[in-house]
Amino acid sequence: MKRIFLLIIISAFTITSYACSKRTVTQSNTTNSKSDPINISDVKIKTMDGQEKTISDFKGKVLMIVNVASKCGYTPQYEGLEKIYEKYKDRGFEILAFPCNDFGGQEPGTNEEIQSFCKSTYNVTFPLFDKIKVLGNDKAPLYSKLIGFEPAGDISWNFEKFLIDKNGNIVGRYKSKVKPESEEIMTAVEKLL
């Protein structure tokens, strides 16, 4: 009887130890995966003239990715975007701007109209890409990945900005109200260059 009781105790201890070690491993893996960077190098994008590219085409450069619109209260940020682009482009900084009509229909134009507006009104020289969706089931693959960066969640309006390091990892996210030439963004760009 003592022998059976002892076997039951040893078995229970072994099972409990195994379960605890599995739980610790699972929690450890969860913690590691949350801190893993989100890399977007393999994501395909399309230029305004229909050429297909991937983010890896910009490897070695610091990127700012921003969804833009021509008829938005934040549209004057094109000026700040151009200013920061001019300041850092020779040091390996690029802005990738993606027109989007998801917020209040504020980007109704064609690619040609958008490009013309940006050049004539704000003298934009950084690359503008094909008009995309950033919300809903048909959101662009790029934005499906970008919105996973903490704080995770959908884009809330036009001119939300993401910073990408030289290896294609998302390293910063800034809401629309944060101006491109703000100290917060400029300091982050300086550190990445």
Protein backbone atom coordinates (compact mmCIF):
# COMPACT_ATOMS: atom_id res chain seq x y z
CA MET A 1 0.00 0.00 0.00
CA LYS A 2 2.84 2.40 0.88
CA ARG A 3 4.48 1.55 -2.41
CA ILE A 4 1.33 2.42 -4.44
CA PHE A 5 0.91 5.64 -2.48
CA LEU A 6 4.56 6.55 -3.12
CA LEU A 7 4.17 5.86 -6.88
CA ILE A 8 1.07 8.05 -7.02
CA ILE A 9 2.93 10.91 -5.28
CA ILE A 10 5.95 10.58 -7.61
CA SER A 11 3.69 10.44 -10.70
CA ALA A 12 1.75 13.52 -9.58
CA PHE A 13 4.98 15.41 -8.91
CA THR A 14 6.39 14.43 -12.33
CA ILE A 15 3.23 15.49 -14.16
CA THR A 16 3.05 18.80 -12.25
CA SER A 17 6.74 19.52 -12.93
CA TYR A 18 6.29 18.77 -16.65
CA ALA A 19 3.18 20.97 -16.88
CA CYS A 20 4.94 23.85 -15.11
CA SER A 21 8.00 23.60 -17.36
CA LYS A 22 5.76 23.61 -20.48
CA ARG A 23 3.89 26.67 -19.23
CA THR A 24 7.17 28.49 -18.56
CA VAL A 25 8.46 27.70 -22.05
CA THR A 26 5.19 28.88 -23.64
CA GLN A 27 5.23 32.14 -21.67
CA SER A 28 8.88 32.66 -22.54
CA ASN A 29 8.19 32.14 -26.26
CA THR A 30 5.24 34.52 -26.12
CA THR A 31 7.41 37.18 -24.53
CA ASN A 32 10.15 36.71 -27.13
CA SER A 33 7.79 36.85 -30.09
CA LYS A 34 6.23 40.10 -28.84
CA SER A 35 9.62 41.76 -28.78
CA ASP A 36 10.61 40.43 -32.20
CA PRO A 37 10.74 43.24 -34.74
CA ILE A 38 8.20 43.36 -37.54
CA ASN A 39 10.15 43.25 -40.79
CA ILE A 40 8.50 44.50 -43.99
CA SER A 41 11.38 43.92 -46.45
CA ASP A 42 9.46 41.33 -48.48
CA VAL A 43 6.30 43.44 -48.93
CA LYS A 44 5.48 44.39 -52.52
CA ILE A 45 4.42 47.91 -53.40
CA LYS A 46 3.54 49.64 -56.66
CA THR A 47 4.76 52.99 -57.94
CA MET A 48 2.35 55.51 -59.43
CA ASP A 49 3.44 54.49 -62.91
CA GLY A 50 2.67 50.81 -62.21
CA GLN A 51 6.17 49.44 -61.50
CA GLU A 52 6.27 46.73 -58.86
CA LYS A 53 8.87 47.09 -56.10
CA THR A 54 9.52 45.60 -52.69
CA ILE A 55 10.54 47.41 -49.55
CA SER A 56 13.88 45.56 -49.82
CA ASP A 57 14.65 47.77 -52.83
CA PHE A 58 15.27 50.48 -50.20
CA LYS A 59 17.54 48.31 -47.99
CA GLY A 60 20.22 50.38 -46.31
CA LYS A 61 17.96 53.44 -46.13
CA VAL A 62 15.84 54.79 -43.29
CA LEU A 63 12.23 55.05 -44.45
CA MET A 64 9.20 57.04 -43.42
CA ILE A 65 5.99 55.49 -44.72
CA VAL A 66 2.93 57.74 -44.64
CA ASN A 67 -0.64 57.57 -45.93
CA VAL A 68 -1.46 60.90 -47.57
CA ALA A 69 -4.48 62.82 -48.89
CA SER A 70 -4.93 66.05 -50.86
CA LYS A 71 -8.08 67.41 -49.20
CA CYS A 72 -7.35 66.83 -45.50
CA GLY A 73 -6.73 69.20 -42.60
CA TYR A 74 -3.29 67.60 -42.36
CA THR A 75 -2.48 68.07 -46.08
CA PRO A 76 -0.11 70.99 -45.28
CA GLN A 77 2.15 68.34 -43.72
CA TYR A 78 3.36 67.72 -47.28
CA GLU A 79 5.49 70.83 -46.68
CA GLY A 80 7.04 69.32 -43.54
CA LEU A 81 7.55 65.98 -45.28
CA GLU A 82 9.41 67.70 -48.11
CA LYS A 83 11.48 69.69 -45.62
CA ILE A 84 12.64 66.58 -43.71
CA TYR A 85 13.21 64.74 -46.99
CA GLU A 86 15.44 67.52 -48.32
CA LYS A 87 17.37 67.61 -45.04
CA TYR A 88 18.14 63.88 -44.85
CA LYS A 89 17.85 62.37 -48.35
CA ASP A 90 21.59 62.64 -49.02
CA ARG A 91 22.23 60.67 -45.81
CA GLY A 92 20.05 57.72 -46.85
CA PHE A 93 16.51 58.79 -45.89
CA GLU A 94 13.44 58.15 -48.06
CA ILE A 95 9.78 59.02 -47.71
CA LEU A 96 7.32 56.59 -49.28
CA ALA A 97 3.92 58.29 -49.55
CA PHE A 98 0.77 56.26 -50.23
CA PRO A 99 -2.34 58.22 -51.24
CA CYS A 100 -5.46 56.87 -49.58
CA ASN A 101 -9.16 57.71 -49.86
CA ASP A 102 -10.31 55.77 -46.77
CA PHE A 103 -10.91 58.79 -44.52
CA GLY A 104 -13.77 61.07 -45.45
CA GLY A 105 -13.13 60.71 -49.20
CA GLN A 106 -10.23 63.15 -48.88
CA GLU A 107 -8.19 61.67 -51.73
CA PRO A 108 -10.65 61.27 -54.62
CA GLY A 109 -8.21 62.02 -57.44
CA THR A 110 -6.40 59.74 -59.86
CA ASN A 111 -2.69 59.04 -59.47
CA GLU A 112 -1.96 61.68 -62.11
CA GLU A 113 -4.11 64.31 -60.37
CA ILE A 114 -2.52 63.53 -57.00
CA GLN A 115 0.99 63.79 -58.43
CA SER A 116 0.20 67.07 -60.17
CA PHE A 117 -1.33 68.54 -56.99
CA CYS A 118 1.66 67.52 -54.84
CA LYS A 119 4.22 68.96 -57.24
CA SER A 120 2.41 72.21 -58.01
CA THR A 121 1.18 72.97 -54.48
CA TYR A 122 3.97 71.62 -52.24
CA ASN A 123 6.86 71.01 -54.65
CA VAL A 124 7.01 67.37 -53.51
CA THR A 125 10.07 65.49 -54.77
CA PHE A 126 9.86 62.32 -52.63
CA PRO A 127 8.23 59.23 -54.20
CA LEU A 128 4.46 58.92 -54.33
CA PHE A 129 3.08 55.41 -54.74
CA ASP A 130 -0.08 53.87 -56.14
CA LYS A 131 -3.27 54.82 -54.32
CA ILE A 132 -4.12 52.13 -51.76
CA LYS A 133 -6.55 51.09 -49.03
CA VAL A 134 -5.33 51.11 -45.44
CA LEU A 135 -8.57 49.93 -43.82
CA GLY A 136 -10.89 46.94 -44.16
CA ASN A 137 -10.51 43.48 -45.61
CA ASP A 138 -8.88 44.75 -48.79
CA LYS A 139 -6.19 46.83 -47.07
CA ALA A 140 -2.79 46.77 -48.77
CA PRO A 141 -0.40 44.03 -47.54
CA LEU A 142 2.02 46.77 -46.46
CA TYR A 143 -0.53 48.21 -44.05
CA SER A 144 -1.56 44.76 -42.81
CA LYS A 145 2.00 44.50 -41.47
CA LEU A 146 2.48 48.12 -40.40
CA ILE A 147 -0.55 48.16 -38.11
CA GLY A 148 0.93 45.28 -36.07
CA PHE A 149 3.51 47.67 -34.61
CA GLU A 150 2.76 48.75 -31.03
CA PRO A 151 0.45 50.30 -30.26
CA ALA A 152 -1.15 47.88 -32.70
CA GLY A 153 -4.39 48.76 -34.44
CA ASP A 154 -5.84 50.32 -37.55
CA ILE A 155 -4.70 53.62 -39.00
CA SER A 156 -6.90 56.32 -37.48
CA TRP A 157 -6.55 59.08 -40.12
CA ASN A 158 -4.48 60.46 -42.99
CA PHE A 159 -0.79 61.29 -42.45
CA GLU A 160 -0.02 58.58 -39.89
CA LYS A 161 3.72 57.94 -40.07
CA PHE A 162 5.91 54.85 -39.61
CA LEU A 163 9.70 54.82 -39.35
CA ILE A 164 11.55 51.83 -40.79
CA ASP A 165 15.21 51.10 -40.03
CA LYS A 166 17.89 50.27 -42.63
CA ASN A 167 17.07 46.55 -42.36
CA GLY A 168 13.32 46.90 -43.01
CA ASN A 169 12.16 46.71 -39.37
CA ILE A 170 9.34 48.95 -38.15
CA VAL A 171 10.78 51.05 -35.31
CA GLY A 172 8.37 53.96 -34.84
CA ARG A 173 4.74 54.96 -35.27
CA TYR A 174 3.43 58.52 -35.11
CA LYS A 175 -0.17 59.70 -35.24
CA SER A 176 -1.34 62.30 -37.76
CA LYS A 177 -1.00 65.24 -35.38
CA VAL A 178 2.77 64.67 -35.00
CA LYS A 179 4.38 66.90 -37.62
CA PRO A 180 7.07 65.33 -39.81
CA GLU A 181 9.60 68.01 -38.85
CA SER A 182 8.84 67.70 -35.11
CA GLU A 183 11.76 67.25 -32.73
CA GLU A 184 10.41 63.81 -31.82
CA ILE A 185 10.63 62.53 -35.41
CA MET A 186 13.82 64.38 -36.35
CA THR A 187 15.62 62.93 -33.29
CA ALA A 188 14.44 59.41 -34.18
CA VAL A 189 15.57 59.81 -37.81
CA GLU A 190 18.98 61.14 -36.72
CA LYS A 191 19.52 58.09 -34.51
CA LEU A 192 18.64 55.70 -37.32
CA LEU A 193 20.81 57.30 -40.01
